Structure formats: C-alpha cells, structure tokens
C-alpha cells in the first residue's frame, strides 16, 4: 500500500492516472504533473504525452499485477468505463487496495440534443469533451475500437450557451468485431486477421480469406467514410470543422486515402484528455 501524507493528498500537482476501460481492454496512462497543469491552462496547444501507459487485455493473467504497478505511482484516478459493472467493481477494488482515489469529475457536456442519454457510452462523451478542448470549436470525432463511433460536437445555445454540446452520432462495427461476426455467421465463413495496411489488402480477393479480409477492411473504411460525411452534414458543421480520430484501430482509417478526410488529425489519447480537462476545470484535489 502506498504511504502518502495529507499534504501530498492535497497538492494540485498530484499524479493523475487516467483509465479508459473498454470492452476488450483497459488503456491506462500516468500523466506528469506539469503536463496536466499546462493542458488545463491551454488545452488547444500541443497535447501532453503520458509519462507511462499500459494497454491490458481484461483476460491477461498479469492484469492486476501490472495495473497495480502503475497505481503505486498515482495519487488519484480518473475513470471512463464502458466495460460493464463487473469490470467497474474490479477497477474500484484495485484502486482501493492502492489507496488511489477516484476523483472523476462530470464531463460537463450539454446533452439536450440527445434522447435516452443514460445509454450513451462514457467513452463517446469523454472523447467528445477531449476533442472540444483540443480544438476549441465544433468538430467531428471518430473513435475506432470494438465499435467505430462517428460523433458530432457543437456549441450549445440557450441556457448553456457556449458550452460544448454532444450532438449525437453513429455506431458501427469495428474491424475486429466485424471479422468475428463474419467468422461466426456461417459454416463456410471464418475469422481472418484484419490488422493490415489497407494498401496491402486487395478488394478483389482470389480466395475466401482474401475476400473476407477485403470485406472487413474496405467495408469498415467505406462505412466510416459515408458516416463521416452524413454526420458532418446533418450536424451542420462548418466545412472546415476539425475531424479527430482516436482508438486502437485508428491506423486503419488514417491510411491513405484517409477514410475520415484529408485534414483528419490523429489524437490517440482523446478519452484521457477529456477526463483531464474536466478534472482541471473542476479543480478537484
């Protein structure tokens, strides 16, 4: 267990651990105190880089041990979880064992444009918050993981005028999930590796494995390309609105010709930056 003094607990420069708990894996990052302070003061400047980070599969035998090593360096944690209650409980137990406080602040987004807001994934909201902090303007956010989400962030009007607003978006199959779905879909189908450079995957497959891979790789890219344009138009975003891409499968979308558009920006830590921004604005210690 970490021994910390009361003074250490109350310092503004407490070391922050951000946890992005997804369906397939946990992405954890430990942020330097100076980087967090600088980001809070000027979020649209260069994005900070974590001092240390881990990507852990939930079923990994050393999951608890490796995460505990990172927790030993943290004072408090900020958590985004879409992995369900059991994984939330697992993380809470590990945080408690390490005497690390969960000080996650509200995301602060205006959700008045949406319905059934309790069903919106936390990762989508935190990525939206991070994107608005990074751009300072309405933007499009593409998060490519188990699912691919294409979301619009605008500026609220009315009572919360000027606040970042989550305008909604679309959810589609991510490449790995699409490959698994095809593999389980029929006796003549099987799962294939789809983590390839799209330029090396011919659309004209000469045998079943190539055809399945082509369907997933180019099918996902094509779906994202269509959704990006439709969401952009229906959210009435400016033609110059930034498009930010994050998630473990981002490279599939960013490969030339970029499925998100020629001006797309890769922001690998977008969910984490959203957590950090809300924390900085809330002044939690």
C-alpha atoms as a PDB file:
ATOM      1  CA  UNK A   1       0.000   0.000   0.000  1.00  0.00           C
ATOM      2  CA  UNK A   2       1.251   3.471  -0.812  1.00  0.00           C
ATOM      3  CA  UNK A   3       2.120   5.671   2.151  1.00  0.00           C
ATOM      4  CA  UNK A   4       1.070   9.280   1.427  1.00  0.00           C
ATOM      5  CA  UNK A   5       0.927  12.287   3.700  1.00  0.00           C
ATOM      6  CA  UNK A   6      -2.122  14.537   3.978  1.00  0.00           C
ATOM      7  CA  UNK A   7      -0.146  17.327   2.316  1.00  0.00           C
ATOM      8  CA  UNK A   8       0.641  15.057  -0.610  1.00  0.00           C
ATOM      9  CA  UNK A   9      -3.066  14.218  -0.992  1.00  0.00           C
ATOM     10  CA  UNK A  10      -3.947  17.895  -1.280  1.00  0.00           C
ATOM     11  CA  UNK A  11      -1.329  19.016  -3.753  1.00  0.00           C
ATOM     12  CA  UNK A  12      -2.570  20.442  -7.070  1.00  0.00           C
ATOM     13  CA  UNK A  13       0.199  18.561  -8.851  1.00  0.00           C
ATOM     14  CA  UNK A  14      -0.939  15.128  -7.671  1.00  0.00           C
ATOM     15  CA  UNK A  15      -0.005  12.459 -10.198  1.00  0.00           C
ATOM     16  CA  UNK A  16      -3.107  11.523 -12.151  1.00  0.00           C
ATOM     17  CA  UNK A  17      -3.864   8.112 -13.597  1.00  0.00           C
ATOM     18  CA  UNK A  18      -6.465   8.008 -16.359  1.00  0.00           C
ATOM     19  CA  UNK A  19      -8.268   4.732 -17.053  1.00  0.00           C
ATOM     20  CA  UNK A  20     -10.167   4.075 -20.286  1.00  0.00           C
ATOM     21  CA  UNK A  21     -11.976   0.800 -19.641  1.00  0.00           C
ATOM     22  CA  UNK A  22     -13.241  -0.550 -22.945  1.00  0.00           C
ATOM     23  CA  UNK A  23     -14.985  -3.762 -23.915  1.00  0.00           C
ATOM     24  CA  UNK A  24     -11.817  -5.525 -24.993  1.00  0.00           C
ATOM     25  CA  UNK A  25      -9.054  -3.889 -22.994  1.00  0.00           C
ATOM     26  CA  UNK A  26      -8.065  -1.250 -20.450  1.00  0.00           C
ATOM     27  CA  UNK A  27      -5.887   1.657 -21.525  1.00  0.00           C
ATOM     28  CA  UNK A  28      -4.164   3.317 -18.565  1.00  0.00           C
ATOM     29  CA  UNK A  29      -1.930   6.384 -18.561  1.00  0.00           C
ATOM     30  CA  UNK A  30       0.014   8.206 -15.856  1.00  0.00           C
ATOM     31  CA  UNK A  31       0.382  11.929 -16.511  1.00  0.00           C
ATOM     32  CA  UNK A  32       3.221  14.208 -15.365  1.00  0.00           C
ATOM     33  CA  UNK A  33       2.099  16.975 -13.048  1.00  0.00           C
ATOM     34  CA  UNK A  34       3.488  19.745 -15.262  1.00  0.00           C
ATOM     35  CA  UNK A  35       1.780  18.352 -18.360  1.00  0.00           C
ATOM     36  CA  UNK A  36      -1.600  18.223 -16.642  1.00  0.00           C
ATOM     37  CA  UNK A  37      -1.279  21.813 -15.415  1.00  0.00           C
ATOM     38  CA  UNK A  38      -0.193  23.057 -18.841  1.00  0.00           C
ATOM     39  CA  UNK A  39      -3.034  21.244 -20.582  1.00  0.00           C
ATOM     40  CA  UNK A  40      -5.571  22.680 -18.144  1.00  0.00           C
ATOM     41  CA  UNK A  41      -4.311  26.179 -18.904  1.00  0.00           C
ATOM     42  CA  UNK A  42      -4.053  25.828 -22.700  1.00  0.00           C
ATOM     43  CA  UNK A  43      -5.818  22.691 -23.993  1.00  0.00           C
ATOM     44  CA  UNK A  44      -5.634  23.695 -27.667  1.00  0.00           C
ATOM     45  CA  UNK A  45      -1.834  23.831 -27.555  1.00  0.00           C
ATOM     46  CA  UNK A  46       0.215  20.695 -28.114  1.00  0.00           C
ATOM     47  CA  UNK A  47      -1.354  17.680 -26.452  1.00  0.00           C
ATOM     48  CA  UNK A  48       0.586  16.283 -23.481  1.00  0.00           C
ATOM     49  CA  UNK A  49       2.095  12.818 -23.526  1.00  0.00           C
ATOM     50  CA  UNK A  50       1.739  10.393 -20.622  1.00  0.00           C
ATOM     51  CA  UNK A  51       4.801   9.546 -18.538  1.00  0.00           C
ATOM     52  CA  UNK A  52       3.800   5.889 -18.644  1.00  0.00           C
ATOM     53  CA  UNK A  53       0.992   3.933 -20.239  1.00  0.00           C
ATOM     54  CA  UNK A  54      -0.327   0.400 -20.479  1.00  0.00           C
ATOM     55  CA  UNK A  55      -2.816  -1.447 -22.634  1.00  0.00           C
ATOM     56  CA  UNK A  56      -4.084  -4.520 -20.822  1.00  0.00           C
ATOM     57  CA  UNK A  57      -6.435  -7.203 -22.107  1.00  0.00           C
ATOM     58  CA  UNK A  58      -9.059  -7.959 -19.477  1.00  0.00           C
ATOM     59  CA  UNK A  59      -8.235 -11.656 -19.515  1.00  0.00           C
ATOM     60  CA  UNK A  60      -4.468 -11.222 -19.141  1.00  0.00           C
ATOM     61  CA  UNK A  61      -3.028 -13.290 -16.298  1.00  0.00           C
ATOM     62  CA  UNK A  62      -0.878 -10.386 -15.108  1.00  0.00           C
ATOM     63  CA  UNK A  63      -3.629  -7.744 -15.415  1.00  0.00           C
ATOM     64  CA  UNK A  64      -3.910  -6.953 -11.692  1.00  0.00           C
ATOM     65  CA  UNK A  65      -0.170  -7.020 -11.086  1.00  0.00           C
ATOM     66  CA  UNK A  66       0.716  -4.711 -13.971  1.00  0.00           C
ATOM     67  CA  UNK A  67      -2.034  -2.218 -13.229  1.00  0.00           C
ATOM     68  CA  UNK A  68      -1.073  -2.223  -9.541  1.00  0.00           C
ATOM     69  CA  UNK A  69       2.475  -1.212 -10.507  1.00  0.00           C
ATOM     70  CA  UNK A  70       1.084   1.874 -12.235  1.00  0.00           C
ATOM     71  CA  UNK A  71      -1.316   2.587  -9.378  1.00  0.00           C
ATOM     72  CA  UNK A  72       1.647   2.646  -6.993  1.00  0.00           C
ATOM     73  CA  UNK A  73       2.807   5.858  -8.710  1.00  0.00           C
ATOM     74  CA  UNK A  74      -0.579   7.603  -8.659  1.00  0.00           C
ATOM     75  CA  UNK A  75      -2.383   9.715  -6.094  1.00  0.00           C
ATOM     76  CA  UNK A  76      -5.776   9.764  -7.750  1.00  0.00           C
ATOM     77  CA  UNK A  77      -7.540   8.350 -10.805  1.00  0.00           C
ATOM     78  CA  UNK A  78      -9.989   9.472 -13.482  1.00  0.00           C
ATOM     79  CA  UNK A  79     -12.113   6.707 -14.970  1.00  0.00           C
ATOM     80  CA  UNK A  80     -14.146   6.150 -18.142  1.00  0.00           C
ATOM     81  CA  UNK A  81     -15.827   2.747 -18.191  1.00  0.00           C
ATOM     82  CA  UNK A  82     -17.950   1.033 -20.840  1.00  0.00           C
ATOM     83  CA  UNK A  83     -16.866  -2.456 -19.801  1.00  0.00           C
ATOM     84  CA  UNK A  84     -19.828  -3.074 -17.511  1.00  0.00           C
ATOM     85  CA  UNK A  85     -20.443  -3.312 -13.740  1.00  0.00           C
ATOM     86  CA  UNK A  86     -18.171  -6.289 -13.085  1.00  0.00           C
ATOM     87  CA  UNK A  87     -15.156  -4.508 -14.560  1.00  0.00           C
ATOM     88  CA  UNK A  88     -16.074  -1.305 -12.748  1.00  0.00           C
ATOM     89  CA  UNK A  89     -16.056  -3.266  -9.484  1.00  0.00           C
ATOM     90  CA  UNK A  90     -12.713  -4.837 -10.356  1.00  0.00           C
ATOM     91  CA  UNK A  91     -11.133  -1.452 -11.001  1.00  0.00           C
ATOM     92  CA  UNK A  92     -12.656   0.016  -7.828  1.00  0.00           C
ATOM     93  CA  UNK A  93     -11.153  -2.808  -5.771  1.00  0.00           C
ATOM     94  CA  UNK A  94      -7.694  -2.267  -7.280  1.00  0.00           C
ATOM     95  CA  UNK A  95      -7.912   1.477  -6.666  1.00  0.00           C
ATOM     96  CA  UNK A  96      -8.943   0.922  -3.051  1.00  0.00           C
ATOM     97  CA  UNK A  97      -6.132  -1.574  -2.459  1.00  0.00           C
ATOM     98  CA  UNK A  98      -3.616   1.005  -3.699  1.00  0.00           C
ATOM     99  CA  UNK A  99      -5.207   3.882  -1.740  1.00  0.00           C
ATOM    100  CA  UNK A 100      -5.854   5.728  -5.004  1.00  0.00           C
ATOM    101  CA  UNK A 101      -8.963   7.925  -5.022  1.00  0.00           C
ATOM    102  CA  UNK A 102     -11.367   8.051  -7.957  1.00  0.00           C
ATOM    103  CA  UNK A 103     -11.883  11.799  -8.446  1.00  0.00           C
ATOM    104  CA  UNK A 104     -13.562  11.698 -11.861  1.00  0.00           C
ATOM    105  CA  UNK A 105     -15.418  14.958 -12.483  1.00  0.00           C
ATOM    106  CA  UNK A 106     -18.615  15.254 -14.574  1.00  0.00           C
ATOM    107  CA  UNK A 107     -17.953  15.582 -18.297  1.00  0.00           C
ATOM    108  CA  UNK A 108     -19.832  18.887 -18.403  1.00  0.00           C
ATOM    109  CA  UNK A 109     -21.230  18.407 -21.916  1.00  0.00           C
ATOM    110  CA  UNK A 110     -24.651  19.677 -22.888  1.00  0.00           C
ATOM    111  CA  UNK A 111     -26.755  16.645 -23.885  1.00  0.00           C
ATOM    112  CA  UNK A 112     -30.019  18.417 -24.635  1.00  0.00           C
ATOM    113  CA  UNK A 113     -29.927  17.386 -28.308  1.00  0.00           C
ATOM    114  CA  UNK A 114     -29.998  13.689 -27.378  1.00  0.00           C
ATOM    115  CA  UNK A 115     -32.580  11.232 -26.052  1.00  0.00           C
ATOM    116  CA  UNK A 116     -32.046   8.331 -23.607  1.00  0.00           C
ATOM    117  CA  UNK A 117     -28.793   9.952 -22.530  1.00  0.00           C
ATOM    118  CA  UNK A 118     -28.157   7.185 -19.963  1.00  0.00           C
ATOM    119  CA  UNK A 119     -27.452   4.836 -22.891  1.00  0.00           C
ATOM    120  CA  UNK A 120     -24.669   6.965 -24.409  1.00  0.00           C
ATOM    121  CA  UNK A 121     -21.286   5.337 -23.850  1.00  0.00           C
ATOM    122  CA  UNK A 122     -18.985   7.166 -21.463  1.00  0.00           C
ATOM    123  CA  UNK A 123     -16.102   6.795 -23.896  1.00  0.00           C
ATOM    124  CA  UNK A 124     -18.030   8.702 -26.568  1.00  0.00           C
ATOM    125  CA  UNK A 125     -18.717  11.552 -24.152  1.00  0.00           C
ATOM    126  CA  UNK A 126     -15.160  11.755 -22.832  1.00  0.00           C
ATOM    127  CA  UNK A 127     -13.756  11.670 -26.377  1.00  0.00           C
ATOM    128  CA  UNK A 128     -16.158  14.473 -27.304  1.00  0.00           C
ATOM    129  CA  UNK A 129     -15.037  16.525 -24.301  1.00  0.00           C
ATOM    130  CA  UNK A 130     -11.399  15.928 -25.166  1.00  0.00           C
ATOM    131  CA  UNK A 131     -11.980  16.865 -28.805  1.00  0.00           C
ATOM    132  CA  UNK A 132     -13.671  20.151 -27.923  1.00  0.00           C
ATOM    133  CA  UNK A 133     -10.872  21.017 -25.518  1.00  0.00           C
ATOM    134  CA  UNK A 134      -8.279  20.278 -28.186  1.00  0.00           C
ATOM    135  CA  UNK A 135      -9.995  22.245 -30.959  1.00  0.00           C
ATOM    136  CA  UNK A 136     -11.947  24.926 -29.098  1.00  0.00           C
ATOM    137  CA  UNK A 137     -14.636  24.625 -31.765  1.00  0.00           C
ATOM    138  CA  UNK A 138     -17.322  22.331 -33.216  1.00  0.00           C
ATOM    139  CA  UNK A 139     -15.743  19.173 -34.566  1.00  0.00           C
ATOM    140  CA  UNK A 140     -16.215  15.569 -35.633  1.00  0.00           C
ATOM    141  CA  UNK A 141     -14.870  12.690 -33.521  1.00  0.00           C
ATOM    142  CA  UNK A 142     -14.157   9.202 -34.860  1.00  0.00           C
ATOM    143  CA  UNK A 143     -13.267   6.550 -32.275  1.00  0.00           C
ATOM    144  CA  UNK A 144     -12.221   3.225 -33.779  1.00  0.00           C
ATOM    145  CA  UNK A 145     -12.229   0.369 -31.290  1.00  0.00           C
ATOM    146  CA  UNK A 146     -14.521  -2.628 -30.760  1.00  0.00           C
ATOM    147  CA  UNK A 147     -17.107  -0.387 -32.388  1.00  0.00           C
ATOM    148  CA  UNK A 148     -16.443   2.626 -34.589  1.00  0.00           C
ATOM    149  CA  UNK A 149     -18.284   5.733 -33.456  1.00  0.00           C
ATOM    150  CA  UNK A 150     -18.677   8.881 -35.511  1.00  0.00           C
ATOM    151  CA  UNK A 151     -19.920  11.766 -33.348  1.00  0.00           C
ATOM    152  CA  UNK A 152     -20.512  15.489 -33.709  1.00  0.00           C
ATOM    153  CA  UNK A 153     -19.574  18.081 -31.088  1.00  0.00           C
ATOM    154  CA  UNK A 154     -21.121  21.539 -31.379  1.00  0.00           C
ATOM    155  CA  UNK A 155     -21.561  24.636 -29.221  1.00  0.00           C
ATOM    156  CA  UNK A 156     -24.699  24.753 -27.096  1.00  0.00           C
ATOM    157  CA  UNK A 157     -27.227  27.535 -27.361  1.00  0.00           C
ATOM    158  CA  UNK A 158     -29.909  28.655 -24.909  1.00  0.00           C
ATOM    159  CA  UNK A 159     -29.331  28.383 -21.139  1.00  0.00           C
ATOM    160  CA  UNK A 160     -25.910  26.753 -21.592  1.00  0.00           C
ATOM    161  CA  UNK A 161     -24.739  28.922 -24.470  1.00  0.00           C
ATOM    162  CA  UNK A 162     -21.068  28.495 -25.266  1.00  0.00           C
ATOM    163  CA  UNK A 163     -20.718  25.089 -23.602  1.00  0.00           C
ATOM    164  CA  UNK A 164     -19.584  22.061 -25.606  1.00  0.00           C
ATOM    165  CA  UNK A 165     -22.596  20.008 -26.682  1.00  0.00           C
ATOM    166  CA  UNK A 166     -22.719  16.364 -27.748  1.00  0.00           C
ATOM    167  CA  UNK A 167     -24.966  16.375 -30.819  1.00  0.00           C
ATOM    168  CA  UNK A 168     -25.115  12.597 -31.378  1.00  0.00           C
ATOM    169  CA  UNK A 169     -23.630  10.326 -33.999  1.00  0.00           C
ATOM    170  CA  UNK A 170     -23.439   6.790 -35.337  1.00  0.00           C
ATOM    171  CA  UNK A 171     -22.127   3.442 -34.084  1.00  0.00           C
ATOM    172  CA  UNK A 172     -20.838   0.801 -36.483  1.00  0.00           C
ATOM    173  CA  UNK A 173     -18.851  -2.430 -36.267  1.00  0.00           C
ATOM    174  CA  UNK A 174     -15.148  -2.079 -35.631  1.00  0.00           C
ATOM    175  CA  UNK A 175     -12.785  -4.217 -37.741  1.00  0.00           C
ATOM    176  CA  UNK A 176     -12.125  -6.939 -35.165  1.00  0.00           C
ATOM    177  CA  UNK A 177     -15.800  -7.248 -34.246  1.00  0.00           C
ATOM    178  CA  UNK A 178     -16.783  -7.357 -37.915  1.00  0.00           C
ATOM    179  CA  UNK A 179     -14.239 -10.127 -38.542  1.00  0.00           C
ATOM    180  CA  UNK A 180     -15.562 -12.147 -35.585  1.00  0.00           C
ATOM    181  CA  UNK A 181     -19.169 -11.658 -36.685  1.00  0.00           C
ATOM    182  CA  UNK A 182     -18.390 -12.914 -40.176  1.00  0.00           C
ATOM    183  CA  UNK A 183     -16.470 -15.866 -38.768  1.00  0.00           C
ATOM    184  CA  UNK A 184     -19.431 -16.913 -36.641  1.00  0.00           C
ATOM    185  CA  UNK A 185     -22.007 -16.271 -39.351  1.00  0.00           C
ATOM    186  CA  UNK A 186     -21.962 -19.493 -41.341  1.00  0.00           C
ATOM    187  CA  UNK A 187     -20.312 -22.856 -41.947  1.00  0.00           C
ATOM    188  CA  UNK A 188     -18.319 -21.574 -44.917  1.00  0.00           C
ATOM    189  CA  UNK A 189     -17.101 -18.437 -43.163  1.00  0.00           C
ATOM    190  CA  UNK A 190     -14.191 -17.991 -40.773  1.00  0.00           C
ATOM    191  CA  UNK A 191     -12.415 -15.235 -38.876  1.00  0.00           C
ATOM    192  CA  UNK A 192      -9.392 -13.593 -40.516  1.00  0.00           C
ATOM    193  CA  UNK A 193      -6.713 -11.193 -39.335  1.00  0.00           C
ATOM    194  CA  UNK A 194      -7.722  -7.691 -40.389  1.00  0.00           C
ATOM    195  CA  UNK A 195      -4.999  -5.612 -38.739  1.00  0.00           C
ATOM    196  CA  UNK A 196      -3.302  -4.930 -42.056  1.00  0.00           C
ATOM    197  CA  UNK A 197      -2.258  -1.909 -44.053  1.00  0.00           C
ATOM    198  CA  UNK A 198      -5.283  -1.337 -46.316  1.00  0.00           C
ATOM    199  CA  UNK A 199      -2.972  -0.814 -49.304  1.00  0.00           C
ATOM    200  CA  UNK A 200      -1.866  -4.446 -48.919  1.00  0.00           C
ATOM    201  CA  UNK A 201      -5.436  -5.783 -48.952  1.00  0.00           C
ATOM    202  CA  UNK A 202      -6.864  -6.199 -52.475  1.00  0.00           C
ATOM    203  CA  UNK A 203     -10.592  -5.692 -52.827  1.00  0.00           C
ATOM    204  CA  UNK A 204     -10.541  -8.438 -55.472  1.00  0.00           C
ATOM    205  CA  UNK A 205      -9.946 -11.420 -53.198  1.00  0.00           C
ATOM    206  CA  UNK A 206      -8.815 -14.522 -55.071  1.00  0.00           C
ATOM    207  CA  UNK A 207      -9.789 -16.918 -52.286  1.00  0.00           C
ATOM    208  CA  UNK A 208     -12.109 -16.819 -49.265  1.00  0.00           C
ATOM    209  CA  UNK A 209      -9.613 -15.484 -46.715  1.00  0.00           C
ATOM    210  CA  UNK A 210      -8.695 -12.600 -49.021  1.00  0.00           C
ATOM    211  CA  UNK A 211     -12.353 -11.917 -49.774  1.00  0.00           C
ATOM    212  CA  UNK A 212     -13.288 -11.852 -46.080  1.00  0.00           C
ATOM    213  CA  UNK A 213     -10.363  -9.584 -45.265  1.00  0.00           C
ATOM    214  CA  UNK A 214     -11.289  -7.253 -48.121  1.00  0.00           C
ATOM    215  CA  UNK A 215     -14.891  -7.090 -46.950  1.00  0.00           C
ATOM    216  CA  UNK A 216     -13.895  -6.121 -43.420  1.00  0.00           C
ATOM    217  CA  UNK A 217     -11.008  -3.750 -44.126  1.00  0.00           C
ATOM    218  CA  UNK A 218     -12.536  -1.866 -47.029  1.00  0.00           C
ATOM    219  CA  UNK A 219     -16.079  -2.296 -45.743  1.00  0.00           C
ATOM    220  CA  UNK A 220     -15.258  -0.620 -42.424  1.00  0.00           C
ATOM    221  CA  UNK A 221     -13.344   2.162 -44.181  1.00  0.00           C
ATOM    222  CA  UNK A 222     -16.193   2.698 -46.621  1.00  0.00           C
ATOM    223  CA  UNK A 223     -18.804   2.764 -43.857  1.00  0.00           C
ATOM    224  CA  UNK A 224     -16.779   5.320 -41.896  1.00  0.00           C
ATOM    225  CA  UNK A 225     -16.286   7.465 -44.995  1.00  0.00           C
ATOM    226  CA  UNK A 226     -20.058   7.562 -45.573  1.00  0.00           C
ATOM    227  CA  UNK A 227     -20.927   8.146 -41.911  1.00  0.00           C
ATOM    228  CA  UNK A 228     -18.390  10.949 -41.569  1.00  0.00           C
ATOM    229  CA  UNK A 229     -19.961  12.874 -44.429  1.00  0.00           C
ATOM    230  CA  UNK A 230     -23.545  12.264 -43.280  1.00  0.00           C
ATOM    231  CA  UNK A 231     -22.917  13.130 -39.619  1.00  0.00           C
ATOM    232  CA  UNK A 232     -20.915  16.198 -40.646  1.00  0.00           C
ATOM    233  CA  UNK A 233     -23.764  17.400 -42.869  1.00  0.00           C
ATOM    234  CA  UNK A 234     -26.652  16.571 -40.525  1.00  0.00           C
ATOM    235  CA  UNK A 235     -24.921  18.224 -37.557  1.00  0.00           C
ATOM    236  CA  UNK A 236     -24.485  21.315 -39.765  1.00  0.00           C
ATOM    237  CA  UNK A 237     -20.777  21.503 -39.071  1.00  0.00           C
ATOM    238  CA  UNK A 238     -18.720  24.034 -40.952  1.00  0.00           C
ATOM    239  CA  UNK A 239     -16.874  22.651 -43.955  1.00  0.00           C
ATOM    240  CA  UNK A 240     -13.594  23.418 -42.161  1.00  0.00           C
ATOM    241  CA  UNK A 241     -14.616  21.771 -38.877  1.00  0.00           C
ATOM    242  CA  UNK A 242     -11.770  19.628 -37.488  1.00  0.00           C
ATOM    243  CA  UNK A 243     -12.027  15.843 -37.692  1.00  0.00           C
ATOM    244  CA  UNK A 244     -10.253  13.950 -34.909  1.00  0.00           C
ATOM    245  CA  UNK A 245      -9.523  10.230 -34.937  1.00  0.00           C
ATOM    246  CA  UNK A 246      -8.734   8.075 -31.907  1.00  0.00           C
ATOM    247  CA  UNK A 247      -8.914   4.436 -30.807  1.00  0.00           C
ATOM    248  CA  UNK A 248      -6.894   1.268 -31.292  1.00  0.00           C
ATOM    249  CA  UNK A 249      -7.938   0.806 -34.929  1.00  0.00           C
ATOM    250  CA  UNK A 250      -7.317   4.433 -35.918  1.00  0.00           C
ATOM    251  CA  UNK A 251      -4.452   3.469 -38.219  1.00  0.00           C
ATOM    252  CA  UNK A 252      -6.860   1.506 -40.411  1.00  0.00           C
ATOM    253  CA  UNK A 253      -8.890   4.658 -41.026  1.00  0.00           C
ATOM    254  CA  UNK A 254      -5.942   7.045 -41.328  1.00  0.00           C
ATOM    255  CA  UNK A 255      -4.147   5.029 -44.011  1.00  0.00           C
ATOM    256  CA  UNK A 256      -4.142   6.787 -47.380  1.00  0.00           C
ATOM    257  CA  UNK A 257      -6.546   7.650 -48.798  1.00  0.00           C
ATOM    258  CA  UNK A 258      -7.770   8.643 -45.319  1.00  0.00           C
ATOM    259  CA  UNK A 259     -11.323   7.417 -44.675  1.00  0.00           C
ATOM    260  CA  UNK A 260     -12.042  10.416 -42.451  1.00  0.00           C
ATOM    261  CA  UNK A 261     -10.901  13.066 -44.916  1.00  0.00           C
ATOM    262  CA  UNK A 262      -7.592  14.692 -45.883  1.00  0.00           C
ATOM    263  CA  UNK A 263      -7.495  17.045 -42.879  1.00  0.00           C
ATOM    264  CA  UNK A 264      -8.088  14.374 -40.234  1.00  0.00           C
ATOM    265  CA  UNK A 265      -5.963  14.579 -37.061  1.00  0.00           C
ATOM    266  CA  UNK A 266      -4.827  11.601 -35.017  1.00  0.00           C
ATOM    267  CA  UNK A 267      -5.383  12.143 -31.285  1.00  0.00           C
ATOM    268  CA  UNK A 268      -4.532   8.814 -29.586  1.00  0.00           C
ATOM    269  CA  UNK A 269      -5.337   9.994 -26.031  1.00  0.00           C
ATOM    270  CA  UNK A 270      -8.644  11.736 -26.671  1.00  0.00           C
ATOM    271  CA  UNK A 271     -10.706   9.969 -23.963  1.00  0.00           C
ATOM    272  CA  UNK A 272      -7.925  10.590 -21.443  1.00  0.00           C
ATOM    273  CA  UNK A 273      -7.644  14.253 -22.417  1.00  0.00           C
ATOM    274  CA  UNK A 274     -11.374  14.653 -21.868  1.00  0.00           C
ATOM    275  CA  UNK A 275     -11.001  13.229 -18.363  1.00  0.00           C
ATOM    276  CA  UNK A 276      -8.046  15.523 -17.644  1.00  0.00           C
ATOM    277  CA  UNK A 277      -9.849  18.605 -18.954  1.00  0.00           C
ATOM    278  CA  UNK A 278     -12.939  18.040 -16.820  1.00  0.00           C
ATOM    279  CA  UNK A 279     -10.729  17.419 -13.796  1.00  0.00           C
ATOM    280  CA  UNK A 280      -8.750  20.625 -14.398  1.00  0.00           C
ATOM    281  CA  UNK A 281     -11.909  22.706 -14.816  1.00  0.00           C
ATOM    282  CA  UNK A 282     -13.484  21.222 -11.676  1.00  0.00           C
ATOM    283  CA  UNK A 283     -10.397  21.990  -9.582  1.00  0.00           C
ATOM    284  CA  UNK A 284     -10.609  18.603  -7.832  1.00  0.00           C
ATOM    285  CA  UNK A 285      -7.726  17.824  -5.476  1.00  0.00           C
END
